[in-house]
Amino acid sequence: MALTLFGFDKRRAVRGLARIRERTLLLWALADGTPGAFAARHLFRHKTRKQPFTRWLWMILSAQGVAIVIAIIPK
């Protein structure tokens, strides 16, 4: 879903229309689509220069990675 939203937002940006809020894009990345968000950034060349956005996206990816590691470590 994040990939689709990034593509939709890029299309609206090119056309000069109302955009999807960055917070919404980040929440979708957090919820289910970090790989899709990174793929969309590359595929659509979208949100690649926005440093605060990029930092947040990397922080989300890192947190998800830590959560996966914690989930698979035997107790």
PDB file of N, CA and C in Angstrom:
ATOM      1  N   MET A   1       0.813  -1.192   0.000  1.00  0.00           N
ATOM      2  CA  MET A   1       0.000   0.000   0.000  1.00  0.00           C
ATOM      3  C   MET A   1       0.862   1.263   0.000  1.00  0.00           C
ATOM      4  N   ALA A   2       1.997   1.218   0.725  1.00  0.00           N
ATOM      5  CA  ALA A   2       2.870   2.392   0.768  1.00  0.00           C
ATOM      6  C   ALA A   2       3.400   2.724  -0.626  1.00  0.00           C
ATOM      7  N   LEU A   3       3.756   1.708  -1.396  1.00  0.00           N
ATOM      8  CA  LEU A   3       4.249   1.944  -2.744  1.00  0.00           C
ATOM      9  C   LEU A   3       3.181   2.662  -3.575  1.00  0.00           C
ATOM     10  N   THR A   4       1.953   2.222  -3.470  1.00  0.00           N
ATOM     11  CA  THR A   4       0.853   2.847  -4.207  1.00  0.00           C
ATOM     12  C   THR A   4       0.647   4.289  -3.771  1.00  0.00           C
ATOM     13  N   LEU A   5       0.667   4.533  -2.464  1.00  0.00           N
ATOM     14  CA  LEU A   5       0.471   5.897  -1.970  1.00  0.00           C
ATOM     15  C   LEU A   5       1.599   6.832  -2.397  1.00  0.00           C
ATOM     16  N   PHE A   6       2.831   6.341  -2.368  1.00  0.00           N
ATOM     17  CA  PHE A   6       3.951   7.163  -2.824  1.00  0.00           C
ATOM     18  C   PHE A   6       3.782   7.506  -4.300  1.00  0.00           C
ATOM     19  N   GLY A   7       3.394   6.518  -5.102  1.00  0.00           N
ATOM     20  CA  GLY A   7       3.175   6.773  -6.522  1.00  0.00           C
ATOM     21  C   GLY A   7       2.057   7.769  -6.757  1.00  0.00           C
ATOM     22  N   PHE A   8       0.979   7.620  -6.007  1.00  0.00           N
ATOM     23  CA  PHE A   8      -0.154   8.538  -6.110  1.00  0.00           C
ATOM     24  C   PHE A   8       0.262   9.957  -5.725  1.00  0.00           C
ATOM     25  N   ASP A   9       1.047  10.064  -4.645  1.00  0.00           N
ATOM     26  CA  ASP A   9       1.506  11.375  -4.200  1.00  0.00           C
ATOM     27  C   ASP A   9       2.437  12.007  -5.231  1.00  0.00           C
ATOM     28  N   LYS A  10       3.323  11.213  -5.824  1.00  0.00           N
ATOM     29  CA  LYS A  10       4.226  11.737  -6.852  1.00  0.00           C
ATOM     30  C   LYS A  10       3.427  12.251  -8.042  1.00  0.00           C
ATOM     31  N   ARG A  11       2.425  11.502  -8.439  1.00  0.00           N
ATOM     32  CA  ARG A  11       1.580  11.919  -9.565  1.00  0.00           C
ATOM     33  C   ARG A  11       0.897  13.252  -9.268  1.00  0.00           C
ATOM     34  N   ARG A  12       0.383  13.380  -8.050  1.00  0.00           N
ATOM     35  CA  ARG A  12      -0.281  14.630  -7.659  1.00  0.00           C
ATOM     36  C   ARG A  12       0.724  15.779  -7.592  1.00  0.00           C
ATOM     37  N   ALA A  13       1.942  15.499  -7.155  1.00  0.00           N
ATOM     38  CA  ALA A  13       2.975  16.537  -7.086  1.00  0.00           C
ATOM     39  C   ALA A  13       3.306  17.056  -8.484  1.00  0.00           C
ATOM     40  N   VAL A  14       3.467  16.151  -9.419  1.00  0.00           N
ATOM     41  CA  VAL A  14       3.797  16.539 -10.796  1.00  0.00           C
ATOM     42  C   VAL A  14       2.684  17.385 -11.392  1.00  0.00           C
ATOM     43  N   ARG A  15       1.454  17.056 -11.047  1.00  0.00           N
ATOM     44  CA  ARG A  15       0.305  17.779 -11.599  1.00  0.00           C
ATOM     45  C   ARG A  15      -0.054  19.040 -10.808  1.00  0.00           C
ATOM     46  N   GLY A  16       0.643  19.281  -9.706  1.00  0.00           N
ATOM     47  CA  GLY A  16       0.382  20.478  -8.909  1.00  0.00           C
ATOM     48  C   GLY A  16      -0.899  20.392  -8.093  1.00  0.00           C
ATOM     49  N   LEU A  17      -1.316  19.182  -7.764  1.00  0.00           N
ATOM     50  CA  LEU A  17      -2.547  18.986  -6.992  1.00  0.00           C
ATOM     51  C   LEU A  17      -2.232  18.826  -5.505  1.00  0.00           C
ATOM     52  N   ALA A  18      -3.278  18.749  -4.690  1.00  0.00           N
ATOM     53  CA  ALA A  18      -3.113  18.551  -3.243  1.00  0.00           C
ATOM     54  C   ALA A  18      -2.383  17.236  -2.993  1.00  0.00           C
ATOM     55  N   ARG A  19      -1.514  17.252  -2.000  1.00  0.00           N
ATOM     56  CA  ARG A  19      -0.625  16.126  -1.735  1.00  0.00           C
ATOM     57  C   ARG A  19      -1.073  15.312  -0.537  1.00  0.00           C
ATOM     58  N   ILE A  20      -0.516  14.122  -0.430  1.00  0.00           N
ATOM     59  CA  ILE A  20      -0.699  13.288   0.755  1.00  0.00           C
ATOM     60  C   ILE A  20       0.300  13.781   1.794  1.00  0.00           C
ATOM     61  N   ARG A  21      -0.151  13.934   3.025  1.00  0.00           N
ATOM     62  CA  ARG A  21       0.736  14.432   4.082  1.00  0.00           C
ATOM     63  C   ARG A  21       1.882  13.446   4.323  1.00  0.00           C
ATOM     64  N   GLU A  22       3.057  13.990   4.634  1.00  0.00           N
ATOM     65  CA  GLU A  22       4.212  13.142   4.913  1.00  0.00           C
ATOM     66  C   GLU A  22       3.934  12.216   6.090  1.00  0.00           C
ATOM     67  N   ARG A  23       3.209  12.711   7.069  1.00  0.00           N
ATOM     68  CA  ARG A  23       2.857  11.893   8.229  1.00  0.00           C
ATOM     69  C   ARG A  23       2.087  10.643   7.794  1.00  0.00           C
ATOM     70  N   THR A  24       1.178  10.809   6.861  1.00  0.00           N
ATOM     71  CA  THR A  24       0.392   9.680   6.364  1.00  0.00           C
ATOM     72  C   THR A  24       1.295   8.673   5.653  1.00  0.00           C
ATOM     73  N   LEU A  25       2.197   9.161   4.824  1.00  0.00           N
ATOM     74  CA  LEU A  25       3.126   8.265   4.126  1.00  0.00           C
ATOM     75  C   LEU A  25       3.991   7.496   5.125  1.00  0.00           C
ATOM     76  N   LEU A  26       4.460   8.184   6.155  1.00  0.00           N
ATOM     77  CA  LEU A  26       5.285   7.520   7.164  1.00  0.00           C
ATOM     78  C   LEU A  26       4.479   6.505   7.976  1.00  0.00           C
ATOM     79  N   LEU A  27       3.240   6.823   8.281  1.00  0.00           N
ATOM     80  CA  LEU A  27       2.407   5.870   9.024  1.00  0.00           C
ATOM     81  C   LEU A  27       2.152   4.609   8.215  1.00  0.00           C
ATOM     82  N   TRP A  28       1.954   4.750   6.907  1.00  0.00           N
ATOM     83  CA  TRP A  28       1.777   3.567   6.061  1.00  0.00           C
ATOM     84  C   TRP A  28       3.062   2.762   5.989  1.00  0.00           C
ATOM     85  N   ALA A  29       4.190   3.435   5.961  1.00  0.00           N
ATOM     86  CA  ALA A  29       5.473   2.725   5.978  1.00  0.00           C
ATOM     87  C   ALA A  29       5.616   1.959   7.299  1.00  0.00           C
ATOM     88  N   LEU A  30       5.236   2.583   8.383  1.00  0.00           N
ATOM     89  CA  LEU A  30       5.299   1.940   9.691  1.00  0.00           C
ATOM     90  C   LEU A  30       4.347   0.748   9.767  1.00  0.00           C
ATOM     91  N   ALA A  31       3.148   0.920   9.262  1.00  0.00           N
ATOM     92  CA  ALA A  31       2.113  -0.106   9.383  1.00  0.00           C
ATOM     93  C   ALA A  31       2.399  -1.342   8.533  1.00  0.00           C
ATOM     94  N   ASP A  32       2.810  -1.130   7.295  1.00  0.00           N
ATOM     95  CA  ASP A  32       2.958  -2.331   6.467  1.00  0.00           C
ATOM     96  C   ASP A  32       3.870  -2.199   5.281  1.00  0.00           C
ATOM     97  N   GLY A  33       4.521  -1.071   5.121  1.00  0.00           N
ATOM     98  CA  GLY A  33       5.159  -0.935   3.834  1.00  0.00           C
ATOM     99  C   GLY A  33       6.531  -0.314   3.754  1.00  0.00           C
ATOM    100  N   THR A  34       7.425  -0.592   4.694  1.00  0.00           N
ATOM    101  CA  THR A  34       8.748  -0.003   4.589  1.00  0.00           C
ATOM    102  C   THR A  34       9.458  -0.437   3.310  1.00  0.00           C
ATOM    103  N   PRO A  35       9.428  -1.717   2.945  1.00  0.00           N
ATOM    104  CA  PRO A  35      10.055  -2.089   1.667  1.00  0.00           C
ATOM    105  C   PRO A  35       9.396  -1.379   0.482  1.00  0.00           C
ATOM    106  N   GLY A  36       8.080  -1.263   0.502  1.00  0.00           N
ATOM    107  CA  GLY A  36       7.380  -0.567  -0.566  1.00  0.00           C
ATOM    108  C   GLY A  36       7.716   0.912  -0.602  1.00  0.00           C
ATOM    109  N   ALA A  37       7.885   1.511   0.566  1.00  0.00           N
ATOM    110  CA  ALA A  37       8.228   2.932   0.641  1.00  0.00           C
ATOM    111  C   ALA A  37       9.609   3.183   0.042  1.00  0.00           C
ATOM    112  N   PHE A  38      10.579   2.330   0.387  1.00  0.00           N
ATOM    113  CA  PHE A  38      11.915   2.502  -0.173  1.00  0.00           C
ATOM    114  C   PHE A  38      11.921   2.212  -1.673  1.00  0.00           C
ATOM    115  N   ALA A  39      11.190   1.202  -2.098  1.00  0.00           N
ATOM    116  CA  ALA A  39      11.099   0.900  -3.531  1.00  0.00           C
ATOM    117  C   ALA A  39      10.463   2.058  -4.291  1.00  0.00           C
ATOM    118  N   ALA A  40       9.424   2.644  -3.724  1.00  0.00           N
ATOM    119  CA  ALA A  40       8.732   3.762  -4.377  1.00  0.00           C
ATOM    120  C   ALA A  40       9.634   4.982  -4.472  1.00  0.00           C
ATOM    121  N   ARG A  41      10.408   5.238  -3.438  1.00  0.00           N
ATOM    122  CA  ARG A  41      11.335   6.384  -3.485  1.00  0.00           C
ATOM    123  C   ARG A  41      12.286   6.224  -4.662  1.00  0.00           C
ATOM    124  N   HIS A  42      12.764   5.008  -4.864  1.00  0.00           N
ATOM    125  CA  HIS A  42      13.686   4.761  -5.963  1.00  0.00           C
ATOM    126  C   HIS A  42      12.954   4.760  -7.314  1.00  0.00           C
ATOM    127  N   LEU A  43      11.858   4.053  -7.378  1.00  0.00           N
ATOM    128  CA  LEU A  43      11.109   3.907  -8.625  1.00  0.00           C
ATOM    129  C   LEU A  43      10.555   5.223  -9.141  1.00  0.00           C
ATOM    130  N   PHE A  44       9.948   5.999  -8.246  1.00  0.00           N
ATOM    131  CA  PHE A  44       9.310   7.256  -8.648  1.00  0.00           C
ATOM    132  C   PHE A  44      10.204   8.478  -8.441  1.00  0.00           C
ATOM    133  N   ARG A  45      11.395   8.260  -7.860  1.00  0.00           N
ATOM    134  CA  ARG A  45      12.280   9.377  -7.481  1.00  0.00           C
ATOM    135  C   ARG A  45      11.494  10.409  -6.677  1.00  0.00           C
ATOM    136  N   HIS A  46      10.879   9.906  -5.632  1.00  0.00           N
ATOM    137  CA  HIS A  46       9.985  10.727  -4.825  1.00  0.00           C
ATOM    138  C   HIS A  46      10.461  10.753  -3.379  1.00  0.00           C
ATOM    139  N   LYS A  47      10.477  11.934  -2.803  1.00  0.00           N
ATOM    140  CA  LYS A  47      10.877  12.146  -1.408  1.00  0.00           C
ATOM    141  C   LYS A  47      12.322  11.742  -1.170  1.00  0.00           C
ATOM    142  N   THR A  48      13.171  11.928  -2.160  1.00  0.00           N
ATOM    143  CA  THR A  48      14.565  11.527  -2.012  1.00  0.00           C
ATOM    144  C   THR A  48      15.440  12.624  -1.425  1.00  0.00           C
ATOM    145  N   ARG A  49      15.023  13.863  -1.504  1.00  0.00           N
ATOM    146  CA  ARG A  49      15.829  14.971  -0.980  1.00  0.00           C
ATOM    147  C   ARG A  49      15.303  15.526   0.336  1.00  0.00           C
ATOM    148  N   LYS A  50      14.207  15.034   0.807  1.00  0.00           N
ATOM    149  CA  LYS A  50      13.593  15.527   2.043  1.00  0.00           C
ATOM    150  C   LYS A  50      14.282  14.864   3.238  1.00  0.00           C
ATOM    151  N   GLN A  51      15.281  15.566   3.833  1.00  0.00           N
ATOM    152  CA  GLN A  51      16.080  14.968   4.888  1.00  0.00           C
ATOM    153  C   GLN A  51      15.280  14.557   6.131  1.00  0.00           C
ATOM    154  N   PRO A  52      14.408  15.379   6.674  1.00  0.00           N
ATOM    155  CA  PRO A  52      13.668  14.890   7.846  1.00  0.00           C
ATOM    156  C   PRO A  52      12.834  13.646   7.504  1.00  0.00           C
ATOM    157  N   PHE A  53      12.219  13.642   6.343  1.00  0.00           N
ATOM    158  CA  PHE A  53      11.415  12.493   5.922  1.00  0.00           C
ATOM    159  C   PHE A  53      12.293  11.255   5.779  1.00  0.00           C
ATOM    160  N   THR A  54      13.433  11.416   5.153  1.00  0.00           N
ATOM    161  CA  THR A  54      14.347  10.292   4.956  1.00  0.00           C
ATOM    162  C   THR A  54      14.821   9.739   6.294  1.00  0.00           C
ATOM    163  N   ARG A  55      15.164  10.627   7.220  1.00  0.00           N
ATOM    164  CA  ARG A  55      15.590  10.181   8.554  1.00  0.00           C
ATOM    165  C   ARG A  55      14.504   9.379   9.239  1.00  0.00           C
ATOM    166  N   TRP A  56      13.269   9.870   9.198  1.00  0.00           N
ATOM    167  CA  TRP A  56      12.146   9.152   9.815  1.00  0.00           C
ATOM    168  C   TRP A  56      11.949   7.785   9.177  1.00  0.00           C
ATOM    169  N   LEU A  57      12.069   7.711   7.869  1.00  0.00           N
ATOM    170  CA  LEU A  57      11.887   6.438   7.187  1.00  0.00           C
ATOM    171  C   LEU A  57      12.957   5.433   7.604  1.00  0.00           C
ATOM    172  N   TRP A  58      14.197   5.881   7.723  1.00  0.00           N
ATOM    173  CA  TRP A  58      15.272   5.001   8.186  1.00  0.00           C
ATOM    174  C   TRP A  58      15.073   4.592   9.644  1.00  0.00           C
ATOM    175  N   MET A  59      14.561   5.493  10.462  1.00  0.00           N
ATOM    176  CA  MET A  59      14.292   5.157  11.864  1.00  0.00           C
ATOM    177  C   MET A  59      13.192   4.099  11.958  1.00  0.00           C
ATOM    178  N   ILE A  60      12.166   4.216  11.123  1.00  0.00           N
ATOM    179  CA  ILE A  60      11.097   3.217  11.096  1.00  0.00           C
ATOM    180  C   ILE A  60      11.663   1.860  10.692  1.00  0.00           C
ATOM    181  N   LEU A  61      12.481   1.853   9.641  1.00  0.00           N
ATOM    182  CA  LEU A  61      13.093   0.600   9.195  1.00  0.00           C
ATOM    183  C   LEU A  61      13.950  -0.018  10.296  1.00  0.00           C
ATOM    184  N   SER A  62      14.723   0.802  10.980  1.00  0.00           N
ATOM    185  CA  SER A  62      15.567   0.309  12.072  1.00  0.00           C
ATOM    186  C   SER A  62      14.735  -0.280  13.204  1.00  0.00           C
ATOM    187  N   ALA A  63      13.678   0.416  13.587  1.00  0.00           N
ATOM    188  CA  ALA A  63      12.804  -0.070  14.662  1.00  0.00           C
ATOM    189  C   ALA A  63      12.150  -1.394  14.267  1.00  0.00           C
ATOM    190  N   GLN A  64      11.742  -1.506  13.019  1.00  0.00           N
ATOM    191  CA  GLN A  64      11.144  -2.757  12.557  1.00  0.00           C
ATOM    192  C   GLN A  64      12.173  -3.887  12.577  1.00  0.00           C
ATOM    193  N   GLY A  65      13.407  -3.565  12.202  1.00  0.00           N
ATOM    194  CA  GLY A  65      14.476  -4.565  12.252  1.00  0.00           C
ATOM    195  C   GLY A  65      14.742  -5.049  13.670  1.00  0.00           C
ATOM    196  N   VAL A  66      14.803  -4.119  14.600  1.00  0.00           N
ATOM    197  CA  VAL A  66      15.005  -4.479  16.008  1.00  0.00           C
ATOM    198  C   VAL A  66      13.849  -5.342  16.507  1.00  0.00           C
ATOM    199  N   ALA A  67      12.626  -4.971  16.151  1.00  0.00           N
ATOM    200  CA  ALA A  67      11.453  -5.742  16.572  1.00  0.00           C
ATOM    201  C   ALA A  67      11.502  -7.163  16.024  1.00  0.00           C
ATOM    202  N   ILE A  68      11.951  -7.327  14.799  1.00  0.00           N
ATOM    203  CA  ILE A  68      12.058  -8.666  14.204  1.00  0.00           C
ATOM    204  C   ILE A  68      13.115  -9.476  14.929  1.00  0.00           C
ATOM    205  N   VAL A  69      14.255  -8.876  15.198  1.00  0.00           N
ATOM    206  CA  VAL A  69      15.332  -9.578  15.912  1.00  0.00           C
ATOM    207  C   VAL A  69      14.865  -9.994  17.290  1.00  0.00           C
ATOM    208  N   ILE A  70      14.212  -9.104  18.006  1.00  0.00           N
ATOM    209  CA  ILE A  70      13.708  -9.434  19.350  1.00  0.00           C
ATOM    210  C   ILE A  70      12.682 -10.565  19.276  1.00  0.00           C
ATOM    211  N   ALA A  71      11.852 -10.543  18.232  1.00  0.00           N
ATOM    212  CA  ALA A  71      10.820 -11.577  18.095  1.00  0.00           C
ATOM    213  C   ALA A  71      11.389 -12.961  17.812  1.00  0.00           C
ATOM    214  N   ILE A  72      12.549 -13.037  17.146  1.00  0.00           N
ATOM    215  CA  ILE A  72      13.070 -14.343  16.777  1.00  0.00           C
ATOM    216  C   ILE A  72      14.127 -14.883  17.740  1.00  0.00           C
ATOM    217  N   ILE A  73      14.588 -14.050  18.660  1.00  0.00           N
ATOM    218  CA  ILE A  73      15.569 -14.526  19.636  1.00  0.00           C
ATOM    219  C   ILE A  73      14.878 -15.490  20.584  1.00  0.00           C
ATOM    220  N   PRO A  74      15.439 -16.681  20.746  1.00  0.00           N
ATOM    221  CA  PRO A  74      14.831 -17.639  21.681  1.00  0.00           C
ATOM    222  C   PRO A  74      14.865 -17.111  23.110  1.00  0.00           C
ATOM    223  N   LYS A  75      13.826 -17.443  23.835  1.00  0.00           N
ATOM    224  CA  LYS A  75      13.740 -16.979  25.233  1.00  0.00           C
ATOM    225  C   LYS A  75      14.172 -18.039  26.202  1.00  0.00           C
TER     226      LYS A  75
END
